Amino acid sequence: MFEIKSDCDIEPAIASAAVQANALFVGAGPYLTARVRLLAALALRHKLPAAHAQRGFAEAGGLMSYGTSQADACRQSGVYAGRILKGEKPGDLPVLQATKFEFVINMATAKALGLAVPMQIHAAADEVIE
């Protein structure tokens, strides 16, 4: 585990991860999520396969992402807002757990890392970025 508290911690953490680990899972949270492009680029530069919980990471050049569907979460938020606007009390609404997850693979990044993605993994992906 590498702690990143500021932008100047990012590159040393990725470089250390490249030496100490075979792969990297980038933690979620607003600070790191706002820097997915930088994190993906550094992981690639250090030849470190990296994943994140949000699809934007794979879209930004990270190897893959697996996490809840943000589109589905936004849709559900809209449903809740509608129910509240129609008079339901927020405290009476059920707490829902995410049920839709997305697995995205960036094949251009896999190729740049020299990784062969097995067909069963390729087939399991919700989206493959070429």
N, C-alpha and C. Protein backbone atom coordinates (compact mmCIF):
# COMPACT_ATOMS: atom_id res chain seq x y z
N MET A 1 0.86 -1.17 0.00
CA MET A 1 0.00 0.00 0.00
C MET A 1 0.90 1.23 0.00
N PHE A 2 0.56 2.16 -0.88
CA PHE A 2 1.32 3.40 -1.00
C PHE A 2 0.38 4.56 -0.70
N GLU A 3 0.81 5.41 0.20
CA GLU A 3 -0.02 6.55 0.58
C GLU A 3 0.33 7.75 -0.28
N ILE A 4 -0.68 8.33 -0.87
CA ILE A 4 -0.50 9.51 -1.70
C ILE A 4 -1.33 10.64 -1.10
N LYS A 5 -0.64 11.68 -0.65
CA LYS A 5 -1.32 12.81 -0.03
C LYS A 5 -1.28 14.07 -0.88
N SER A 6 -0.33 14.11 -1.84
CA SER A 6 -0.23 15.28 -2.71
C SER A 6 0.29 14.83 -4.06
N ASP A 7 0.24 15.73 -5.03
CA ASP A 7 0.69 15.41 -6.38
C ASP A 7 2.16 14.99 -6.41
N CYS A 8 2.97 15.53 -5.53
CA CYS A 8 4.39 15.18 -5.55
C CYS A 8 4.64 13.76 -5.02
N ASP A 9 3.65 13.12 -4.41
CA ASP A 9 3.77 11.74 -3.94
C ASP A 9 3.45 10.71 -5.03
N ILE A 10 2.81 11.15 -6.11
CA ILE A 10 2.29 10.19 -7.09
C ILE A 10 3.39 9.45 -7.83
N GLU A 11 4.30 10.17 -8.46
CA GLU A 11 5.32 9.48 -9.25
C GLU A 11 6.21 8.58 -8.39
N PRO A 12 6.69 9.02 -7.22
CA PRO A 12 7.48 8.10 -6.39
C PRO A 12 6.70 6.85 -5.97
N ALA A 13 5.41 7.00 -5.71
CA ALA A 13 4.60 5.84 -5.32
C ALA A 13 4.48 4.85 -6.47
N ILE A 14 4.25 5.34 -7.68
CA ILE A 14 4.14 4.46 -8.85
C ILE A 14 5.49 3.79 -9.12
N ALA A 15 6.57 4.54 -9.03
CA ALA A 15 7.91 3.97 -9.24
C ALA A 15 8.21 2.88 -8.21
N SER A 16 7.85 3.12 -6.96
CA SER A 16 8.05 2.12 -5.91
C SER A 16 7.19 0.89 -6.16
N ALA A 17 5.95 1.11 -6.58
CA ALA A 17 5.05 -0.01 -6.87
C ALA A 17 5.61 -0.86 -7.99
N ALA A 18 6.21 -0.23 -8.99
CA ALA A 18 6.77 -0.96 -10.12
C ALA A 18 7.91 -1.87 -9.69
N VAL A 19 8.64 -1.48 -8.66
CA VAL A 19 9.74 -2.29 -8.15
C VAL A 19 9.24 -3.38 -7.20
N GLN A 20 8.23 -3.06 -6.40
CA GLN A 20 7.78 -3.95 -5.33
C GLN A 20 6.64 -4.88 -5.71
N ALA A 21 5.94 -4.59 -6.80
CA ALA A 21 4.74 -5.37 -7.12
C ALA A 21 4.69 -5.71 -8.61
N ASN A 22 3.85 -6.66 -8.95
CA ASN A 22 3.65 -7.05 -10.35
C ASN A 22 2.50 -6.29 -10.99
N ALA A 23 1.66 -5.67 -10.17
CA ALA A 23 0.50 -4.94 -10.67
C ALA A 23 0.06 -3.94 -9.61
N LEU A 24 -0.86 -3.07 -9.99
CA LEU A 24 -1.31 -2.01 -9.10
C LEU A 24 -2.82 -1.86 -9.19
N PHE A 25 -3.48 -1.77 -8.05
CA PHE A 25 -4.88 -1.38 -8.03
C PHE A 25 -4.94 -0.01 -7.40
N VAL A 26 -5.38 0.97 -8.16
CA VAL A 26 -5.47 2.35 -7.70
C VAL A 26 -6.74 2.50 -6.88
N GLY A 27 -6.60 2.96 -5.66
CA GLY A 27 -7.75 3.14 -4.78
C GLY A 27 -8.71 4.19 -5.29
N ALA A 28 -9.94 4.04 -4.87
CA ALA A 28 -10.98 4.99 -5.25
C ALA A 28 -10.91 6.20 -4.31
N GLY A 29 -11.64 7.20 -4.63
CA GLY A 29 -11.68 8.42 -3.84
C GLY A 29 -11.51 9.61 -4.75
N PRO A 30 -12.02 10.74 -4.36
CA PRO A 30 -12.02 11.90 -5.24
C PRO A 30 -10.63 12.36 -5.66
N TYR A 31 -9.66 12.29 -4.76
CA TYR A 31 -8.32 12.78 -5.09
C TYR A 31 -7.70 11.95 -6.21
N LEU A 32 -7.69 10.63 -6.05
CA LEU A 32 -7.07 9.77 -7.06
C LEU A 32 -7.92 9.69 -8.33
N THR A 33 -9.22 9.69 -8.19
CA THR A 33 -10.09 9.62 -9.35
C THR A 33 -9.91 10.85 -10.25
N ALA A 34 -9.64 11.99 -9.64
CA ALA A 34 -9.41 13.21 -10.42
C ALA A 34 -8.08 13.17 -11.17
N ARG A 35 -7.23 12.21 -10.85
CA ARG A 35 -5.91 12.13 -11.47
C ARG A 35 -5.70 10.83 -12.25
N VAL A 36 -6.79 10.25 -12.77
CA VAL A 36 -6.67 8.96 -13.46
C VAL A 36 -5.77 9.05 -14.69
N ARG A 37 -5.79 10.14 -15.41
CA ARG A 37 -4.93 10.26 -16.60
C ARG A 37 -3.45 10.20 -16.21
N LEU A 38 -3.09 10.94 -15.19
CA LEU A 38 -1.70 10.94 -14.72
C LEU A 38 -1.32 9.56 -14.19
N LEU A 39 -2.17 8.95 -13.39
CA LEU A 39 -1.89 7.63 -12.83
C LEU A 39 -1.74 6.58 -13.92
N ALA A 40 -2.62 6.62 -14.90
CA ALA A 40 -2.54 5.65 -16.01
C ALA A 40 -1.26 5.85 -16.80
N ALA A 41 -0.91 7.09 -17.07
CA ALA A 41 0.31 7.38 -17.84
C ALA A 41 1.56 6.93 -17.09
N LEU A 42 1.61 7.19 -15.80
CA LEU A 42 2.78 6.78 -15.01
C LEU A 42 2.87 5.27 -14.89
N ALA A 43 1.74 4.61 -14.71
CA ALA A 43 1.75 3.15 -14.64
C ALA A 43 2.28 2.57 -15.95
N LEU A 44 1.84 3.12 -17.05
CA LEU A 44 2.30 2.64 -18.35
C LEU A 44 3.79 2.92 -18.54
N ARG A 45 4.22 4.11 -18.16
CA ARG A 45 5.64 4.46 -18.29
C ARG A 45 6.52 3.50 -17.49
N HIS A 46 6.03 3.06 -16.33
CA HIS A 46 6.79 2.14 -15.48
C HIS A 46 6.46 0.67 -15.78
N LYS A 47 5.73 0.44 -16.88
CA LYS A 47 5.37 -0.92 -17.31
C LYS A 47 4.66 -1.70 -16.20
N LEU A 48 3.74 -1.02 -15.52
CA LEU A 48 3.02 -1.60 -14.39
C LEU A 48 1.55 -1.77 -14.76
N PRO A 49 1.07 -2.99 -14.89
CA PRO A 49 -0.37 -3.18 -15.15
C PRO A 49 -1.16 -2.59 -13.99
N ALA A 50 -2.15 -1.76 -14.31
CA ALA A 50 -2.89 -1.07 -13.25
C ALA A 50 -4.39 -1.10 -13.52
N ALA A 51 -5.14 -1.17 -12.42
CA ALA A 51 -6.60 -1.19 -12.49
C ALA A 51 -7.16 -0.18 -11.49
N HIS A 52 -8.42 0.18 -11.70
CA HIS A 52 -9.12 1.15 -10.86
C HIS A 52 -10.59 0.74 -10.84
N ALA A 53 -11.33 1.25 -9.89
CA ALA A 53 -12.74 0.88 -9.76
C ALA A 53 -13.65 1.61 -10.75
N GLN A 54 -13.18 2.66 -11.39
CA GLN A 54 -14.05 3.41 -12.31
C GLN A 54 -13.55 3.31 -13.74
N ARG A 55 -14.49 3.17 -14.66
CA ARG A 55 -14.18 2.96 -16.07
C ARG A 55 -13.34 4.08 -16.68
N GLY A 56 -13.40 5.27 -16.15
CA GLY A 56 -12.61 6.38 -16.67
C GLY A 56 -11.13 6.10 -16.65
N PHE A 57 -10.69 5.23 -15.75
CA PHE A 57 -9.28 4.87 -15.67
C PHE A 57 -8.86 4.11 -16.92
N ALA A 58 -9.64 3.11 -17.31
CA ALA A 58 -9.33 2.36 -18.54
C ALA A 58 -9.46 3.26 -19.75
N GLU A 59 -10.43 4.15 -19.75
CA GLU A 59 -10.60 5.08 -20.86
C GLU A 59 -9.41 6.05 -20.96
N ALA A 60 -8.78 6.33 -19.82
CA ALA A 60 -7.64 7.25 -19.78
C ALA A 60 -6.32 6.56 -20.08
N GLY A 61 -6.35 5.25 -20.31
CA GLY A 61 -5.12 4.54 -20.65
C GLY A 61 -4.67 3.51 -19.64
N GLY A 62 -5.41 3.36 -18.54
CA GLY A 62 -5.10 2.30 -17.59
C GLY A 62 -5.44 0.95 -18.20
N LEU A 63 -4.89 -0.12 -17.67
CA LEU A 63 -5.11 -1.44 -18.25
C LEU A 63 -6.57 -1.88 -18.13
N MET A 64 -7.16 -1.70 -16.96
CA MET A 64 -8.55 -2.16 -16.79
C MET A 64 -9.22 -1.45 -15.64
N SER A 65 -10.53 -1.61 -15.62
CA SER A 65 -11.31 -1.11 -14.49
C SER A 65 -12.40 -2.12 -14.18
N TYR A 66 -12.74 -2.19 -12.91
CA TYR A 66 -13.85 -3.03 -12.48
C TYR A 66 -14.50 -2.35 -11.30
N GLY A 67 -15.76 -2.02 -11.44
CA GLY A 67 -16.46 -1.35 -10.35
C GLY A 67 -17.91 -1.11 -10.71
N THR A 68 -18.58 -0.44 -9.82
CA THR A 68 -20.00 -0.16 -10.04
C THR A 68 -20.19 0.75 -11.25
N SER A 69 -21.31 0.57 -11.91
CA SER A 69 -21.65 1.40 -13.06
C SER A 69 -22.07 2.78 -12.55
N GLN A 70 -21.31 3.79 -12.93
CA GLN A 70 -21.65 5.15 -12.52
C GLN A 70 -22.95 5.61 -13.17
N ALA A 71 -23.18 5.18 -14.41
CA ALA A 71 -24.42 5.54 -15.10
C ALA A 71 -25.62 4.97 -14.36
N ASP A 72 -25.52 3.74 -13.89
CA ASP A 72 -26.60 3.11 -13.15
C ASP A 72 -26.82 3.81 -11.81
N ALA A 73 -25.72 4.19 -11.14
CA ALA A 73 -25.83 4.90 -9.87
C ALA A 73 -26.50 6.26 -10.05
N CYS A 74 -26.17 6.96 -11.13
CA CYS A 74 -26.81 8.25 -11.42
C CYS A 74 -28.29 8.07 -11.72
N ARG A 75 -28.62 7.03 -12.48
CA ARG A 75 -30.02 6.75 -12.77
C ARG A 75 -30.79 6.50 -11.49
N GLN A 76 -30.21 5.68 -10.59
CA GLN A 76 -30.88 5.38 -9.33
C GLN A 76 -31.03 6.63 -8.47
N SER A 77 -30.03 7.53 -8.51
CA SER A 77 -30.14 8.80 -7.77
C SER A 77 -31.31 9.62 -8.29
N GLY A 78 -31.50 9.60 -9.61
CA GLY A 78 -32.64 10.31 -10.20
C GLY A 78 -33.96 9.73 -9.76
N VAL A 79 -34.04 8.41 -9.67
CA VAL A 79 -35.26 7.75 -9.19
C VAL A 79 -35.54 8.18 -7.75
N TYR A 80 -34.50 8.20 -6.90
CA TYR A 80 -34.68 8.63 -5.51
C TYR A 80 -35.14 10.08 -5.45
N ALA A 81 -34.50 10.95 -6.25
CA ALA A 81 -34.88 12.36 -6.25
C ALA A 81 -36.34 12.52 -6.65
N GLY A 82 -36.76 11.77 -7.65
CA GLY A 82 -38.16 11.82 -8.08
C GLY A 82 -39.11 11.40 -6.97
N ARG A 83 -38.75 10.35 -6.27
CA ARG A 83 -39.62 9.88 -5.17
C ARG A 83 -39.71 10.93 -4.06
N ILE A 84 -38.60 11.58 -3.76
CA ILE A 84 -38.59 12.63 -2.73
C ILE A 84 -39.41 13.82 -3.19
N LEU A 85 -39.27 14.21 -4.44
CA LEU A 85 -40.04 15.34 -4.96
C LEU A 85 -41.54 15.05 -4.99
N LYS A 86 -41.89 13.79 -5.05
CA LYS A 86 -43.31 13.40 -5.02
C LYS A 86 -43.83 13.25 -3.59
N GLY A 87 -42.99 13.54 -2.60
CA GLY A 87 -43.46 13.58 -1.22
C GLY A 87 -42.96 12.49 -0.30
N GLU A 88 -42.23 11.51 -0.79
CA GLU A 88 -41.72 10.48 0.11
C GLU A 88 -40.61 11.05 0.98
N LYS A 89 -40.54 10.57 2.21
CA LYS A 89 -39.51 11.03 3.13
C LYS A 89 -38.21 10.27 2.83
N PRO A 90 -37.09 10.99 2.73
CA PRO A 90 -35.82 10.33 2.45
C PRO A 90 -35.51 9.18 3.42
N GLY A 91 -35.84 9.35 4.68
CA GLY A 91 -35.58 8.33 5.69
C GLY A 91 -36.39 7.06 5.49
N ASP A 92 -37.48 7.17 4.71
CA ASP A 92 -38.32 6.00 4.46
C ASP A 92 -37.89 5.21 3.22
N LEU A 93 -36.97 5.77 2.45
CA LEU A 93 -36.53 5.10 1.23
C LEU A 93 -35.51 4.00 1.59
N PRO A 94 -35.58 2.90 0.89
CA PRO A 94 -34.63 1.82 1.19
C PRO A 94 -33.21 2.18 0.73
N VAL A 95 -32.27 1.62 1.44
CA VAL A 95 -30.88 1.77 1.02
C VAL A 95 -30.61 0.65 0.03
N LEU A 96 -30.15 1.04 -1.15
CA LEU A 96 -29.89 0.05 -2.20
C LEU A 96 -28.40 -0.19 -2.34
N GLN A 97 -28.06 -1.41 -2.64
CA GLN A 97 -26.68 -1.77 -2.91
C GLN A 97 -26.52 -1.87 -4.42
N ALA A 98 -25.35 -1.50 -4.90
CA ALA A 98 -25.09 -1.57 -6.34
C ALA A 98 -25.29 -3.01 -6.83
N THR A 99 -25.90 -3.12 -7.99
CA THR A 99 -26.12 -4.45 -8.58
C THR A 99 -25.49 -4.56 -9.97
N LYS A 100 -25.14 -3.42 -10.56
CA LYS A 100 -24.54 -3.44 -11.89
C LYS A 100 -23.08 -3.02 -11.79
N PHE A 101 -22.22 -3.91 -12.26
CA PHE A 101 -20.78 -3.66 -12.26
C PHE A 101 -20.27 -3.70 -13.69
N GLU A 102 -19.19 -2.98 -13.93
CA GLU A 102 -18.61 -2.93 -15.28
C GLU A 102 -17.15 -3.36 -15.24
N PHE A 103 -16.78 -4.18 -16.21
CA PHE A 103 -15.39 -4.61 -16.38
C PHE A 103 -14.95 -4.10 -17.75
N VAL A 104 -13.95 -3.21 -17.77
CA VAL A 104 -13.47 -2.60 -19.00
C VAL A 104 -11.97 -2.90 -19.14
N ILE A 105 -11.58 -3.33 -20.33
CA ILE A 105 -10.17 -3.62 -20.61
C ILE A 105 -9.70 -2.71 -21.73
N ASN A 106 -8.52 -2.14 -21.56
CA ASN A 106 -7.91 -1.32 -22.60
C ASN A 106 -6.86 -2.19 -23.30
N MET A 107 -7.20 -2.67 -24.50
CA MET A 107 -6.30 -3.58 -25.23
C MET A 107 -5.06 -2.87 -25.75
N ALA A 108 -5.15 -1.58 -26.04
CA ALA A 108 -3.96 -0.84 -26.48
C ALA A 108 -2.93 -0.80 -25.35
N THR A 109 -3.40 -0.64 -24.13
CA THR A 109 -2.50 -0.64 -22.98
C THR A 109 -1.93 -2.04 -22.75
N ALA A 110 -2.78 -3.06 -22.88
CA ALA A 110 -2.30 -4.44 -22.72
C ALA A 110 -1.18 -4.72 -23.72
N LYS A 111 -1.37 -4.28 -24.95
CA LYS A 111 -0.35 -4.49 -25.99
C LYS A 111 0.93 -3.73 -25.64
N ALA A 112 0.79 -2.48 -25.19
CA ALA A 112 1.96 -1.69 -24.84
C ALA A 112 2.72 -2.31 -23.67
N LEU A 113 2.02 -3.01 -22.79
CA LEU A 113 2.65 -3.67 -21.65
C LEU A 113 3.17 -5.06 -22.01
N GLY A 114 2.86 -5.51 -23.23
CA GLY A 114 3.29 -6.84 -23.66
C GLY A 114 2.48 -7.95 -23.04
N LEU A 115 1.23 -7.66 -22.68
CA LEU A 115 0.36 -8.65 -22.04
C LEU A 115 -0.59 -9.28 -23.05
N ALA A 116 -0.72 -10.57 -22.98
CA ALA A 116 -1.72 -11.28 -23.78
C ALA A 116 -2.94 -11.47 -22.89
N VAL A 117 -4.07 -10.97 -23.33
CA VAL A 117 -5.30 -11.10 -22.56
C VAL A 117 -6.00 -12.38 -22.99
N PRO A 118 -6.18 -13.33 -22.08
CA PRO A 118 -6.85 -14.58 -22.44
C PRO A 118 -8.25 -14.33 -22.99
N MET A 119 -8.67 -15.17 -23.92
CA MET A 119 -9.97 -14.99 -24.56
C MET A 119 -11.12 -14.97 -23.55
N GLN A 120 -11.05 -15.80 -22.49
CA GLN A 120 -12.14 -15.83 -21.51
C GLN A 120 -12.24 -14.52 -20.73
N ILE A 121 -11.11 -13.85 -20.51
CA ILE A 121 -11.13 -12.54 -19.86
C ILE A 121 -11.68 -11.49 -20.83
N HIS A 122 -11.22 -11.56 -22.05
CA HIS A 122 -11.70 -10.66 -23.11
C HIS A 122 -13.21 -10.79 -23.25
N ALA A 123 -13.71 -12.01 -23.25
CA ALA A 123 -15.14 -12.27 -23.41
C ALA A 123 -15.95 -11.81 -22.20
N ALA A 124 -15.33 -11.81 -21.03
CA ALA A 124 -16.05 -11.42 -19.81
C ALA A 124 -16.19 -9.91 -19.67
N ALA A 125 -15.42 -9.16 -20.44
CA ALA A 125 -15.44 -7.69 -20.33
C ALA A 125 -16.76 -7.12 -20.84
N ASP A 126 -17.24 -6.09 -20.17
CA ASP A 126 -18.42 -5.37 -20.63
C ASP A 126 -18.06 -4.47 -21.79
N GLU A 127 -16.81 -4.01 -21.79
CA GLU A 127 -16.33 -3.19 -22.90
C GLU A 127 -14.85 -3.43 -23.09
N VAL A 128 -14.43 -3.48 -24.35
CA VAL A 128 -13.03 -3.63 -24.71
C VAL A 128 -12.65 -2.40 -25.52
N ILE A 129 -11.69 -1.66 -25.01
CA ILE A 129 -11.20 -0.48 -25.70
C ILE A 129 -10.04 -0.91 -26.59
N GLU A 130 -10.17 -0.68 -27.87
CA GLU A 130 -9.12 -1.07 -28.82
C GLU A 130 -8.22 0.11 -28.98
